[in-house]
Amino acid sequence: MIGRQFGKWTVIKATSYRNRFGYGPYWVCRCECGVERNVLQRYILANKSGCGKCGRVGNGIRKQYAREYRAWKDMRTRCNNPNFIGHAMYGGRGIQVDEIWNNFETFIADMGECPKGY
């Protein structure tokens, strides 16, 4: 893992750090903006860990759009994943997501930010 890059993170070294629940392994990683921190290995591999300083969350999405990203992801799951508990009410009834919305940037350009309070 050392030296490999995952999104904005570059793995620097292993660490014996464990969080309060005992989860591990963790790696010391450096973001492109220079921030170093311990990151759980499964988050690195899934590209789900973000740097608070440069305003990025998992998958390179800006924190500004974190709420919209979750809504986009959930929408796609409801419609596309037959194993999802709510699939019968969406994808199971034939509701589909247009292919152009498979890209988050296109979705956010079309929909914009979520209004306050919603």
PDB file of N, CA and C in Angstrom:
ATOM      1  N   MET A   1       0.817  -1.202   0.000  1.00  0.00           N
ATOM      2  CA  MET A   1       0.000   0.000   0.000  1.00  0.00           C
ATOM      3  C   MET A   1       0.862   1.268   0.000  1.00  0.00           C
ATOM      4  N   ILE A   2       2.016   1.213   0.643  1.00  0.00           N
ATOM      5  CA  ILE A   2       2.848   2.406   0.769  1.00  0.00           C
ATOM      6  C   ILE A   2       3.240   2.917  -0.612  1.00  0.00           C
ATOM      7  N   GLY A   3       3.034   4.233  -0.824  1.00  0.00           N
ATOM      8  CA  GLY A   3       3.356   4.861  -2.091  1.00  0.00           C
ATOM      9  C   GLY A   3       2.211   4.884  -3.087  1.00  0.00           C
ATOM     10  N   ARG A   4       1.169   4.092  -2.853  1.00  0.00           N
ATOM     11  CA  ARG A   4       0.029   4.062  -3.773  1.00  0.00           C
ATOM     12  C   ARG A   4      -0.869   5.263  -3.535  1.00  0.00           C
ATOM     13  N   GLN A   5      -1.517   5.717  -4.604  1.00  0.00           N
ATOM     14  CA  GLN A   5      -2.419   6.852  -4.505  1.00  0.00           C
ATOM     15  C   GLN A   5      -3.848   6.373  -4.713  1.00  0.00           C
ATOM     16  N   PHE A   6      -4.743   6.867  -3.845  1.00  0.00           N
ATOM     17  CA  PHE A   6      -6.161   6.551  -3.901  1.00  0.00           C
ATOM     18  C   PHE A   6      -6.922   7.874  -3.871  1.00  0.00           C
ATOM     19  N   GLY A   7      -7.433   8.301  -4.998  1.00  0.00           N
ATOM     20  CA  GLY A   7      -8.087   9.598  -5.063  1.00  0.00           C
ATOM     21  C   GLY A   7      -7.077  10.685  -4.743  1.00  0.00           C
ATOM     22  N   LYS A   8      -7.356  11.507  -3.743  1.00  0.00           N
ATOM     23  CA  LYS A   8      -6.441  12.579  -3.336  1.00  0.00           C
ATOM     24  C   LYS A   8      -5.426  12.120  -2.295  1.00  0.00           C
ATOM     25  N   TRP A   9      -5.583  10.910  -1.766  1.00  0.00           N
ATOM     26  CA  TRP A   9      -4.693  10.407  -0.717  1.00  0.00           C
ATOM     27  C   TRP A   9      -3.533   9.617  -1.294  1.00  0.00           C
ATOM     28  N   THR A  10      -2.350   9.814  -0.714  1.00  0.00           N
ATOM     29  CA  THR A  10      -1.186   8.980  -0.991  1.00  0.00           C
ATOM     30  C   THR A  10      -0.809   8.307   0.322  1.00  0.00           C
ATOM     31  N   VAL A  11      -0.665   6.984   0.299  1.00  0.00           N
ATOM     32  CA  VAL A  11      -0.326   6.237   1.503  1.00  0.00           C
ATOM     33  C   VAL A  11       1.153   6.441   1.807  1.00  0.00           C
ATOM     34  N   ILE A  12       1.448   6.879   3.051  1.00  0.00           N
ATOM     35  CA  ILE A  12       2.821   7.178   3.442  1.00  0.00           C
ATOM     36  C   ILE A  12       3.432   6.032   4.226  1.00  0.00           C
ATOM     37  N   LYS A  13       2.718   5.558   5.261  1.00  0.00           N
ATOM     38  CA  LYS A  13       3.246   4.478   6.092  1.00  0.00           C
ATOM     39  C   LYS A  13       2.118   3.815   6.857  1.00  0.00           C
ATOM     40  N   ALA A  14       2.420   2.632   7.382  1.00  0.00           N
ATOM     41  CA  ALA A  14       1.464   1.915   8.231  1.00  0.00           C
ATOM     42  C   ALA A  14       1.496   2.523   9.630  1.00  0.00           C
ATOM     43  N   THR A  15       0.418   2.327  10.361  1.00  0.00           N
ATOM     44  CA  THR A  15       0.363   2.802  11.734  1.00  0.00           C
ATOM     45  C   THR A  15      -0.330   1.757  12.595  1.00  0.00           C
ATOM     46  N   SER A  16      -0.008   1.739  13.869  1.00  0.00           N
ATOM     47  CA  SER A  16      -0.647   0.789  14.776  1.00  0.00           C
ATOM     48  C   SER A  16      -1.918   1.384  15.387  1.00  0.00           C
ATOM     49  N   TYR A  17      -2.321   2.570  14.920  1.00  0.00           N
ATOM     50  CA  TYR A  17      -3.499   3.249  15.445  1.00  0.00           C
ATOM     51  C   TYR A  17      -4.743   2.376  15.302  1.00  0.00           C
ATOM     52  N   ARG A  18      -5.553   2.355  16.344  1.00  0.00           N
ATOM     53  CA  ARG A  18      -6.868   1.713  16.321  1.00  0.00           C
ATOM     54  C   ARG A  18      -7.854   2.726  16.881  1.00  0.00           C
ATOM     55  N   ASN A  19      -9.050   2.809  16.309  1.00  0.00           N
ATOM     56  CA  ASN A  19     -10.021   3.737  16.874  1.00  0.00           C
ATOM     57  C   ASN A  19     -10.636   3.118  18.130  1.00  0.00           C
ATOM     58  N   ARG A  20     -11.558   3.812  18.761  1.00  0.00           N
ATOM     59  CA  ARG A  20     -12.098   3.346  20.043  1.00  0.00           C
ATOM     60  C   ARG A  20     -12.871   2.046  19.930  1.00  0.00           C
ATOM     61  N   PHE A  21     -13.249   1.655  18.718  1.00  0.00           N
ATOM     62  CA  PHE A  21     -13.951   0.390  18.526  1.00  0.00           C
ATOM     63  C   PHE A  21     -13.000  -0.732  18.133  1.00  0.00           C
ATOM     64  N   GLY A  22     -11.715  -0.402  17.986  1.00  0.00           N
ATOM     65  CA  GLY A  22     -10.707  -1.400  17.637  1.00  0.00           C
ATOM     66  C   GLY A  22     -10.576  -1.664  16.152  1.00  0.00           C
ATOM     67  N   TYR A  23     -11.223  -0.832  15.324  1.00  0.00           N
ATOM     68  CA  TYR A  23     -11.136  -1.052  13.888  1.00  0.00           C
ATOM     69  C   TYR A  23      -9.750  -0.721  13.361  1.00  0.00           C
ATOM     70  N   GLY A  24      -9.333  -1.440  12.378  1.00  0.00           N
ATOM     71  CA  GLY A  24      -8.063  -1.217  11.727  1.00  0.00           C
ATOM     72  C   GLY A  24      -7.982  -2.129  10.531  1.00  0.00           C
ATOM     73  N   PRO A  25      -6.956  -2.172   9.783  1.00  0.00           N
ATOM     74  CA  PRO A  25      -5.752  -1.367   9.925  1.00  0.00           C
ATOM     75  C   PRO A  25      -5.936   0.047   9.380  1.00  0.00           C
ATOM     76  N   TYR A  26      -5.141   0.937   9.934  1.00  0.00           N
ATOM     77  CA  TYR A  26      -5.089   2.327   9.491  1.00  0.00           C
ATOM     78  C   TYR A  26      -3.763   2.577   8.799  1.00  0.00           C
ATOM     79  N   TRP A  27      -3.751   3.571   7.942  1.00  0.00           N
ATOM     80  CA  TRP A  27      -2.552   3.995   7.246  1.00  0.00           C
ATOM     81  C   TRP A  27      -2.425   5.508   7.393  1.00  0.00           C
ATOM     82  N   VAL A  28      -1.198   5.987   7.500  1.00  0.00           N
ATOM     83  CA  VAL A  28      -0.961   7.422   7.489  1.00  0.00           C
ATOM     84  C   VAL A  28      -0.969   7.833   6.018  1.00  0.00           C
ATOM     85  N   CYS A  29      -1.847   8.787   5.690  1.00  0.00           N
ATOM     86  CA  CYS A  29      -2.001   9.227   4.303  1.00  0.00           C
ATOM     87  C   CYS A  29      -1.815  10.732   4.213  1.00  0.00           C
ATOM     88  N   ARG A  30      -1.371  11.183   3.039  1.00  0.00           N
ATOM     89  CA  ARG A  30      -1.213  12.612   2.785  1.00  0.00           C
ATOM     90  C   ARG A  30      -2.127  12.997   1.625  1.00  0.00           C
ATOM     91  N   CYS A  31      -2.938  14.031   1.861  1.00  0.00           N
ATOM     92  CA  CYS A  31      -3.813  14.572   0.824  1.00  0.00           C
ATOM     93  C   CYS A  31      -2.980  15.435  -0.123  1.00  0.00           C
ATOM     94  N   GLU A  32      -3.496  15.679  -1.307  1.00  0.00           N
ATOM     95  CA  GLU A  32      -2.817  16.562  -2.262  1.00  0.00           C
ATOM     96  C   GLU A  32      -2.600  17.956  -1.689  1.00  0.00           C
ATOM     97  N   CYS A  33      -3.463  18.365  -0.736  1.00  0.00           N
ATOM     98  CA  CYS A  33      -3.328  19.707  -0.159  1.00  0.00           C
ATOM     99  C   CYS A  33      -2.293  19.740   0.961  1.00  0.00           C
ATOM    100  N   GLY A  34      -1.719  18.571   1.341  1.00  0.00           N
ATOM    101  CA  GLY A  34      -0.657  18.527   2.339  1.00  0.00           C
ATOM    102  C   GLY A  34      -1.060  17.992   3.699  1.00  0.00           C
ATOM    103  N   VAL A  35      -2.352  17.820   3.963  1.00  0.00           N
ATOM    104  CA  VAL A  35      -2.827  17.315   5.247  1.00  0.00           C
ATOM    105  C   VAL A  35      -2.470  15.831   5.381  1.00  0.00           C
ATOM    106  N   GLU A  36      -1.983  15.456   6.560  1.00  0.00           N
ATOM    107  CA  GLU A  36      -1.703  14.053   6.855  1.00  0.00           C
ATOM    108  C   GLU A  36      -2.629  13.595   7.966  1.00  0.00           C
ATOM    109  N   ARG A  37      -3.149  12.370   7.831  1.00  0.00           N
ATOM    110  CA  ARG A  37      -3.970  11.810   8.895  1.00  0.00           C
ATOM    111  C   ARG A  37      -4.056  10.304   8.763  1.00  0.00           C
ATOM    112  N   ASN A  38      -4.514   9.665   9.850  1.00  0.00           N
ATOM    113  CA  ASN A  38      -4.747   8.221   9.844  1.00  0.00           C
ATOM    114  C   ASN A  38      -6.061   7.951   9.136  1.00  0.00           C
ATOM    115  N   VAL A  39      -6.036   7.020   8.179  1.00  0.00           N
ATOM    116  CA  VAL A  39      -7.246   6.692   7.428  1.00  0.00           C
ATOM    117  C   VAL A  39      -7.432   5.177   7.460  1.00  0.00           C
ATOM    118  N   LEU A  40      -8.651   4.760   7.757  1.00  0.00           N
ATOM    119  CA  LEU A  40      -8.991   3.341   7.804  1.00  0.00           C
ATOM    120  C   LEU A  40      -8.818   2.731   6.405  1.00  0.00           C
ATOM    121  N   GLN A  41      -8.169   1.578   6.341  1.00  0.00           N
ATOM    122  CA  GLN A  41      -7.843   0.958   5.056  1.00  0.00           C
ATOM    123  C   GLN A  41      -9.072   0.751   4.183  1.00  0.00           C
ATOM    124  N   ARG A  42     -10.167   0.290   4.749  1.00  0.00           N
ATOM    125  CA  ARG A  42     -11.347   0.020   3.911  1.00  0.00           C
ATOM    126  C   ARG A  42     -11.895   1.307   3.304  1.00  0.00           C
ATOM    127  N   TYR A  43     -11.728   2.448   3.983  1.00  0.00           N
ATOM    128  CA  TYR A  43     -12.166   3.724   3.429  1.00  0.00           C
ATOM    129  C   TYR A  43     -11.244   4.176   2.301  1.00  0.00           C
ATOM    130  N   ILE A  44      -9.963   3.896   2.452  1.00  0.00           N
ATOM    131  CA  ILE A  44      -9.012   4.243   1.388  1.00  0.00           C
ATOM    132  C   ILE A  44      -9.356   3.464   0.127  1.00  0.00           C
ATOM    133  N   LEU A  45      -9.520   2.148   0.276  1.00  0.00           N
ATOM    134  CA  LEU A  45      -9.767   1.295  -0.879  1.00  0.00           C
ATOM    135  C   LEU A  45     -11.095   1.606  -1.556  1.00  0.00           C
ATOM    136  N   ALA A  46     -12.088   2.020  -0.770  1.00  0.00           N
ATOM    137  CA  ALA A  46     -13.397   2.358  -1.336  1.00  0.00           C
ATOM    138  C   ALA A  46     -13.473   3.820  -1.763  1.00  0.00           C
ATOM    139  N   ASN A  47     -12.398   4.580  -1.539  1.00  0.00           N
ATOM    140  CA  ASN A  47     -12.337   6.006  -1.861  1.00  0.00           C
ATOM    141  C   ASN A  47     -13.466   6.763  -1.163  1.00  0.00           C
ATOM    142  N   LYS A  48     -13.677   6.448   0.128  1.00  0.00           N
ATOM    143  CA  LYS A  48     -14.764   7.063   0.891  1.00  0.00           C
ATOM    144  C   LYS A  48     -14.265   7.954   2.009  1.00  0.00           C
ATOM    145  N   SER A  49     -13.010   8.313   1.963  1.00  0.00           N
ATOM    146  CA  SER A  49     -12.480   9.171   3.014  1.00  0.00           C
ATOM    147  C   SER A  49     -12.108  10.508   2.413  1.00  0.00           C
ATOM    148  N   GLY A  50     -12.458  11.560   3.117  1.00  0.00           N
ATOM    149  CA  GLY A  50     -12.180  12.883   2.586  1.00  0.00           C
ATOM    150  C   GLY A  50     -11.305  13.708   3.504  1.00  0.00           C
ATOM    151  N   CYS A  51     -10.748  14.753   2.946  1.00  0.00           N
ATOM    152  CA  CYS A  51      -9.896  15.673   3.684  1.00  0.00           C
ATOM    153  C   CYS A  51     -10.722  16.893   4.051  1.00  0.00           C
ATOM    154  N   GLY A  52     -10.761  17.232   5.328  1.00  0.00           N
ATOM    155  CA  GLY A  52     -11.541  18.372   5.771  1.00  0.00           C
ATOM    156  C   GLY A  52     -10.971  19.711   5.328  1.00  0.00           C
ATOM    157  N   LYS A  53      -9.665  19.771   5.112  1.00  0.00           N
ATOM    158  CA  LYS A  53      -9.040  21.055   4.793  1.00  0.00           C
ATOM    159  C   LYS A  53      -9.344  21.513   3.367  1.00  0.00           C
ATOM    160  N   CYS A  54      -9.209  20.619   2.410  1.00  0.00           N
ATOM    161  CA  CYS A  54      -9.397  21.040   1.018  1.00  0.00           C
ATOM    162  C   CYS A  54     -10.850  20.913   0.569  1.00  0.00           C
ATOM    163  N   GLY A  55     -11.730  20.510   1.473  1.00  0.00           N
ATOM    164  CA  GLY A  55     -13.154  20.496   1.159  1.00  0.00           C
ATOM    165  C   GLY A  55     -13.603  19.360   0.286  1.00  0.00           C
ATOM    166  N   ARG A  56     -12.924  18.229   0.359  1.00  0.00           N
ATOM    167  CA  ARG A  56     -13.333  17.079  -0.436  1.00  0.00           C
ATOM    168  C   ARG A  56     -13.852  15.999   0.493  1.00  0.00           C
ATOM    169  N   VAL A  57     -14.860  15.290   0.022  1.00  0.00           N
ATOM    170  CA  VAL A  57     -15.340  14.113   0.733  1.00  0.00           C
ATOM    171  C   VAL A  57     -15.054  12.929  -0.172  1.00  0.00           C
ATOM    172  N   GLY A  58     -15.543  11.745   0.162  1.00  0.00           N
ATOM    173  CA  GLY A  58     -15.270  10.569  -0.645  1.00  0.00           C
ATOM    174  C   GLY A  58     -15.594  10.774  -2.110  1.00  0.00           C
ATOM    175  N   ASN A  59     -14.903  10.066  -2.959  1.00  0.00           N
ATOM    176  CA  ASN A  59     -15.073  10.094  -4.404  1.00  0.00           C
ATOM    177  C   ASN A  59     -14.743  11.453  -5.006  1.00  0.00           C
ATOM    178  N   GLY A  60     -14.026  12.304  -4.269  1.00  0.00           N
ATOM    179  CA  GLY A  60     -13.612  13.598  -4.795  1.00  0.00           C
ATOM    180  C   GLY A  60     -14.719  14.638  -4.845  1.00  0.00           C
ATOM    181  N   ILE A  61     -15.877  14.357  -4.238  1.00  0.00           N
ATOM    182  CA  ILE A  61     -16.992  15.296  -4.256  1.00  0.00           C
ATOM    183  C   ILE A  61     -16.741  16.380  -3.210  1.00  0.00           C
ATOM    184  N   ARG A  62     -16.966  17.643  -3.562  1.00  0.00           N
ATOM    185  CA  ARG A  62     -16.776  18.730  -2.612  1.00  0.00           C
ATOM    186  C   ARG A  62     -17.776  18.625  -1.472  1.00  0.00           C
ATOM    187  N   LYS A  63     -17.338  19.007  -0.268  1.00  0.00           N
ATOM    188  CA  LYS A  63     -18.222  18.990   0.896  1.00  0.00           C
ATOM    189  C   LYS A  63     -19.501  19.757   0.631  1.00  0.00           C
ATOM    190  N   GLN A  64     -19.394  20.810  -0.149  1.00  0.00           N
ATOM    191  CA  GLN A  64     -20.546  21.636  -0.481  1.00  0.00           C
ATOM    192  C   GLN A  64     -21.689  20.781  -1.039  1.00  0.00           C
ATOM    193  N   TYR A  65     -21.355  19.706  -1.743  1.00  0.00           N
ATOM    194  CA  TYR A  65     -22.359  18.857  -2.380  1.00  0.00           C
ATOM    195  C   TYR A  65     -22.527  17.501  -1.696  1.00  0.00           C
ATOM    196  N   ALA A  66     -22.065  17.352  -0.473  1.00  0.00           N
ATOM    197  CA  ALA A  66     -22.143  16.053   0.197  1.00  0.00           C
ATOM    198  C   ALA A  66     -23.587  15.584   0.337  1.00  0.00           C
ATOM    199  N   ARG A  67     -24.485  16.491   0.685  1.00  0.00           N
ATOM    200  CA  ARG A  67     -25.892  16.142   0.850  1.00  0.00           C
ATOM    201  C   ARG A  67     -26.519  15.719  -0.486  1.00  0.00           C
ATOM    202  N   GLU A  68     -26.213  16.451  -1.531  1.00  0.00           N
ATOM    203  CA  GLU A  68     -26.731  16.136  -2.851  1.00  0.00           C
ATOM    204  C   GLU A  68     -26.158  14.818  -3.362  1.00  0.00           C
ATOM    205  N   TYR A  69     -24.883  14.563  -3.031  1.00  0.00           N
ATOM    206  CA  TYR A  69     -24.246  13.315  -3.461  1.00  0.00           C
ATOM    207  C   TYR A  69     -24.944  12.117  -2.837  1.00  0.00           C
ATOM    208  N   ARG A  70     -25.257  12.229  -1.551  1.00  0.00           N
ATOM    209  CA  ARG A  70     -25.954  11.123  -0.882  1.00  0.00           C
ATOM    210  C   ARG A  70     -27.336  10.899  -1.494  1.00  0.00           C
ATOM    211  N   ALA A  71     -28.063  11.973  -1.788  1.00  0.00           N
ATOM    212  CA  ALA A  71     -29.384  11.852  -2.414  1.00  0.00           C
ATOM    213  C   ALA A  71     -29.263  11.194  -3.790  1.00  0.00           C
ATOM    214  N   TRP A  72     -28.239  11.590  -4.560  1.00  0.00           N
ATOM    215  CA  TRP A  72     -28.007  11.013  -5.889  1.00  0.00           C
ATOM    216  C   TRP A  72     -27.704   9.524  -5.787  1.00  0.00           C
ATOM    217  N   LYS A  73     -26.829   9.178  -4.833  1.00  0.00           N
ATOM    218  CA  LYS A  73     -26.473   7.780  -4.645  1.00  0.00           C
ATOM    219  C   LYS A  73     -27.680   6.947  -4.216  1.00  0.00           C
ATOM    220  N   ASP A  74     -28.461   7.480  -3.277  1.00  0.00           N
ATOM    221  CA  ASP A  74     -29.646   6.763  -2.788  1.00  0.00           C
ATOM    222  C   ASP A  74     -30.687   6.599  -3.895  1.00  0.00           C
ATOM    223  N   MET A  75     -30.875   7.634  -4.711  1.00  0.00           N
ATOM    224  CA  MET A  75     -31.814   7.560  -5.828  1.00  0.00           C
ATOM    225  C   MET A  75     -31.431   6.420  -6.768  1.00  0.00           C
ATOM    226  N   ARG A  76     -30.153   6.347  -7.099  1.00  0.00           N
ATOM    227  CA  ARG A  76     -29.683   5.303  -8.009  1.00  0.00           C
ATOM    228  C   ARG A  76     -29.818   3.920  -7.390  1.00  0.00           C
ATOM    229  N   THR A  77     -29.588   3.822  -6.079  1.00  0.00           N
ATOM    230  CA  THR A  77     -29.721   2.532  -5.394  1.00  0.00           C
ATOM    231  C   THR A  77     -31.174   2.066  -5.403  1.00  0.00           C
ATOM    232  N   ARG A  78     -32.105   2.955  -5.076  1.00  0.00           N
ATOM    233  CA  ARG A  78     -33.527   2.588  -5.057  1.00  0.00           C
ATOM    234  C   ARG A  78     -34.001   2.079  -6.411  1.00  0.00           C
ATOM    235  N   CYS A  79     -33.472   2.654  -7.469  1.00  0.00           N
ATOM    236  CA  CYS A  79     -33.931   2.291  -8.805  1.00  0.00           C
ATOM    237  C   CYS A  79     -33.169   1.128  -9.430  1.00  0.00           C
ATOM    238  N   ASN A  80     -31.914   0.949  -9.063  1.00  0.00           N
ATOM    239  CA  ASN A  80     -31.064  -0.014  -9.773  1.00  0.00           C
ATOM    240  C   ASN A  80     -30.714  -1.282  -8.992  1.00  0.00           C
ATOM    241  N   ASN A  81     -30.854  -1.272  -7.678  1.00  0.00           N
ATOM    242  CA  ASN A  81     -30.406  -2.414  -6.877  1.00  0.00           C
ATOM    243  C   ASN A  81     -31.595  -3.239  -6.402  1.00  0.00           C
ATOM    244  N   PRO A  82     -31.838  -4.397  -7.027  1.00  0.00           N
ATOM    245  CA  PRO A  82     -32.990  -5.222  -6.635  1.00  0.00           C
ATOM    246  C   PRO A  82     -32.882  -5.769  -5.214  1.00  0.00           C
ATOM    247  N   ASN A  83     -31.702  -5.738  -4.616  1.00  0.00           N
ATOM    248  CA  ASN A  83     -31.528  -6.219  -3.239  1.00  0.00           C
ATOM    249  C   ASN A  83     -31.846  -5.140  -2.200  1.00  0.00           C
ATOM    250  N   PHE A  84     -32.041  -3.913  -2.645  1.00  0.00           N
ATOM    251  CA  PHE A  84     -32.364  -2.817  -1.734  1.00  0.00           C
ATOM    252  C   PHE A  84     -33.794  -2.967  -1.249  1.00  0.00           C
ATOM    253  N   ILE A  85     -34.013  -2.713   0.041  1.00  0.00           N
ATOM    254  CA  ILE A  85     -35.321  -2.954   0.642  1.00  0.00           C
ATOM    255  C   ILE A  85     -36.445  -2.145  -0.010  1.00  0.00           C
ATOM    256  N   GLY A  86     -36.173  -0.936  -0.490  1.00  0.00           N
ATOM    257  CA  GLY A  86     -37.198  -0.110  -1.104  1.00  0.00           C
ATOM    258  C   GLY A  86     -37.285  -0.226  -2.621  1.00  0.00           C
ATOM    259  N   HIS A  87     -36.553  -1.163  -3.198  1.00  0.00           N
ATOM    260  CA  HIS A  87     -36.513  -1.302  -4.655  1.00  0.00           C
ATOM    261  C   HIS A  87     -37.891  -1.559  -5.252  1.00  0.00           C
ATOM    262  N   ALA A  88     -38.729  -2.317  -4.582  1.00  0.00           N
ATOM    263  CA  ALA A  88     -40.051  -2.653  -5.108  1.00  0.00           C
ATOM    264  C   ALA A  88     -40.890  -1.405  -5.384  1.00  0.00           C
ATOM    265  N   MET A  89     -40.667  -0.346  -4.610  1.00  0.00           N
ATOM    266  CA  MET A  89     -41.453   0.879  -4.777  1.00  0.00           C
ATOM    267  C   MET A  89     -40.884   1.796  -5.859  1.00  0.00           C
ATOM    268  N   TYR A  90     -39.688   1.515  -6.331  1.00  0.00           N
ATOM    269  CA  TYR A  90     -39.050   2.366  -7.328  1.00  0.00           C
ATOM    270  C   TYR A  90     -38.690   1.550  -8.566  1.00  0.00           C
ATOM    271  N   GLY A  91     -37.512   0.951  -8.566  1.00  0.00           N
ATOM    272  CA  GLY A  91     -37.072   0.168  -9.721  1.00  0.00           C
ATOM    273  C   GLY A  91     -38.002  -0.988 -10.031  1.00  0.00           C
ATOM    274  N   GLY A  92     -38.572  -1.582  -8.987  1.00  0.00           N
ATOM    275  CA  GLY A  92     -39.499  -2.698  -9.172  1.00  0.00           C
ATOM    276  C   GLY A  92     -40.776  -2.293  -9.886  1.00  0.00           C
ATOM    277  N   ARG A  93     -41.139  -1.010  -9.822  1.00  0.00           N
ATOM    278  CA  ARG A  93     -42.329  -0.497 -10.518  1.00  0.00           C
ATOM    279  C   ARG A  93     -41.984   0.089 -11.879  1.00  0.00           C
ATOM    280  N   GLY A  94     -40.707  -0.013 -12.243  1.00  0.00           N
ATOM    281  CA  GLY A  94     -40.294   0.469 -13.555  1.00  0.00           C
ATOM    282  C   GLY A  94     -39.699   1.870 -13.562  1.00  0.00           C
ATOM    283  N   ILE A  95     -39.546   2.489 -12.382  1.00  0.00           N
ATOM    284  CA  ILE A  95     -38.939   3.808 -12.323  1.00  0.00           C
ATOM    285  C   ILE A  95     -37.447   3.667 -12.587  1.00  0.00           C
ATOM    286  N   GLN A  96     -36.954   4.468 -13.519  1.00  0.00           N
ATOM    287  CA  GLN A  96     -35.547   4.383 -13.912  1.00  0.00           C
ATOM    288  C   GLN A  96     -34.885   5.758 -13.808  1.00  0.00           C
ATOM    289  N   VAL A  97     -33.565   5.740 -13.702  1.00  0.00           N
ATOM    290  CA  VAL A  97     -32.771   6.965 -13.712  1.00  0.00           C
ATOM    291  C   VAL A  97     -32.184   7.097 -15.109  1.00  0.00           C
ATOM    292  N   ASP A  98     -32.334   8.265 -15.709  1.00  0.00           N
ATOM    293  CA  ASP A  98     -31.790   8.503 -17.038  1.00  0.00           C
ATOM    294  C   ASP A  98     -30.278   8.279 -17.026  1.00  0.00           C
ATOM    295  N   GLU A  99     -29.761   7.713 -18.097  1.00  0.00           N
ATOM    296  CA  GLU A  99     -28.334   7.374 -18.160  1.00  0.00           C
ATOM    297  C   GLU A  99     -27.421   8.575 -17.995  1.00  0.00           C
ATOM    298  N   ILE A 100     -27.853   9.761 -18.404  1.00  0.00           N
ATOM    299  CA  ILE A 100     -26.979  10.921 -18.259  1.00  0.00           C
ATOM    300  C   ILE A 100     -26.755  11.260 -16.783  1.00  0.00           C
ATOM    301  N   TRP A 101     -27.653  10.805 -15.901  1.00  0.00           N
ATOM    302  CA  TRP A 101     -27.498  11.051 -14.470  1.00  0.00           C
ATOM    303  C   TRP A 101     -26.653   9.985 -13.785  1.00  0.00           C
ATOM    304  N   ASN A 102     -26.039   9.096 -14.536  1.00  0.00           N
ATOM    305  CA  ASN A 102     -25.080   8.169 -13.937  1.00  0.00           C
ATOM    306  C   ASN A 102     -23.805   8.903 -13.547  1.00  0.00           C
ATOM    307  N   ASN A 103     -23.675  10.144 -14.005  1.00  0.00           N
ATOM    308  CA  ASN A 103     -22.537  10.991 -13.666  1.00  0.00           C
ATOM    309  C   ASN A 103     -23.021  12.063 -12.692  1.00  0.00           C
ATOM    310  N   PHE A 104     -22.405  12.126 -11.508  1.00  0.00           N
ATOM    311  CA  PHE A 104     -22.855  13.073 -10.494  1.00  0.00           C
ATOM    312  C   PHE A 104     -22.742  14.518 -10.958  1.00  0.00           C
ATOM    313  N   GLU A 105     -21.687  14.849 -11.686  1.00  0.00           N
ATOM    314  CA  GLU A 105     -21.504  16.223 -12.134  1.00  0.00           C
ATOM    315  C   GLU A 105     -22.652  16.674 -13.030  1.00  0.00           C
ATOM    316  N   THR A 106     -23.135  15.771 -13.889  1.00  0.00           N
ATOM    317  CA  THR A 106     -24.277  16.099 -14.743  1.00  0.00           C
ATOM    318  C   THR A 106     -25.530  16.283 -13.900  1.00  0.00           C
ATOM    319  N   PHE A 107     -25.725  15.414 -12.919  1.00  0.00           N
ATOM    320  CA  PHE A 107     -26.877  15.510 -12.028  1.00  0.00           C
ATOM    321  C   PHE A 107     -26.888  16.858 -11.306  1.00  0.00           C
ATOM    322  N   ILE A 108     -25.760  17.249 -10.721  1.00  0.00           N
ATOM    323  CA  ILE A 108     -25.716  18.487  -9.939  1.00  0.00           C
ATOM    324  C   ILE A 108     -25.859  19.707 -10.858  1.00  0.00           C
ATOM    325  N   ALA A 109     -25.366  19.614 -12.093  1.00  0.00           N
ATOM    326  CA  ALA A 109     -25.538  20.720 -13.048  1.00  0.00           C
ATOM    327  C   ALA A 109     -27.018  20.895 -13.397  1.00  0.00           C
ATOM    328  N   ASP A 110     -27.740  19.783 -13.507  1.00  0.00           N
ATOM    329  CA  ASP A 110     -29.170  19.845 -13.828  1.00  0.00           C
ATOM    330  C   ASP A 110     -30.017  20.276 -12.629  1.00  0.00           C
ATOM    331  N   MET A 111     -29.723  19.748 -11.455  1.00  0.00           N
ATOM    332  CA  MET A 111     -30.579  19.946 -10.287  1.00  0.00           C
ATOM    333  C   MET A 111     -30.128  21.110  -9.400  1.00  0.00           C
ATOM    334  N   GLY A 112     -28.859  21.367  -9.338  1.00  0.00           N
ATOM    335  CA  GLY A 112     -28.351  22.412  -8.455  1.00  0.00           C
ATOM    336  C   GLY A 112     -28.334  21.953  -7.003  1.00  0.00           C
ATOM    337  N   GLU A 113     -28.027  22.886  -6.115  1.00  0.00           N
ATOM    338  CA  GLU A 113     -27.944  22.553  -4.687  1.00  0.00           C
ATOM    339  C   GLU A 113     -29.335  22.356  -4.107  1.00  0.00           C
ATOM    340  N   CYS A 114     -29.381  21.511  -3.074  1.00  0.00           N
ATOM    341  CA  CYS A 114     -30.633  21.268  -2.353  1.00  0.00           C
ATOM    342  C   CYS A 114     -31.015  22.541  -1.585  1.00  0.00           C
ATOM    343  N   PRO A 115     -32.279  22.980  -1.689  1.00  0.00           N
ATOM    344  CA  PRO A 115     -32.692  24.176  -0.939  1.00  0.00           C
ATOM    345  C   PRO A 115     -32.568  23.961   0.562  1.00  0.00           C
ATOM    346  N   LYS A 116     -32.319  25.023   1.288  1.00  0.00           N
ATOM    347  CA  LYS A 116     -32.211  24.957   2.748  1.00  0.00           C
ATOM    348  C   LYS A 116     -33.527  24.441   3.324  1.00  0.00           C
ATOM    349  N   GLY A 117     -33.416  23.565   4.309  1.00  0.00           N
ATOM    350  CA  GLY A 117     -34.591  23.031   4.978  1.00  0.00           C
ATOM    351  C   GLY A 117     -35.194  21.798   4.321  1.00  0.00           C
ATOM    352  N   TYR A 118     -34.615  21.346   3.213  1.00  0.00           N
ATOM    353  CA  TYR A 118     -35.130  20.144   2.548  1.00  0.00           C
ATOM    354  C   TYR A 118     -34.091  19.062   2.564  1.00  0.00           C
TER     355      TYR A 118
END
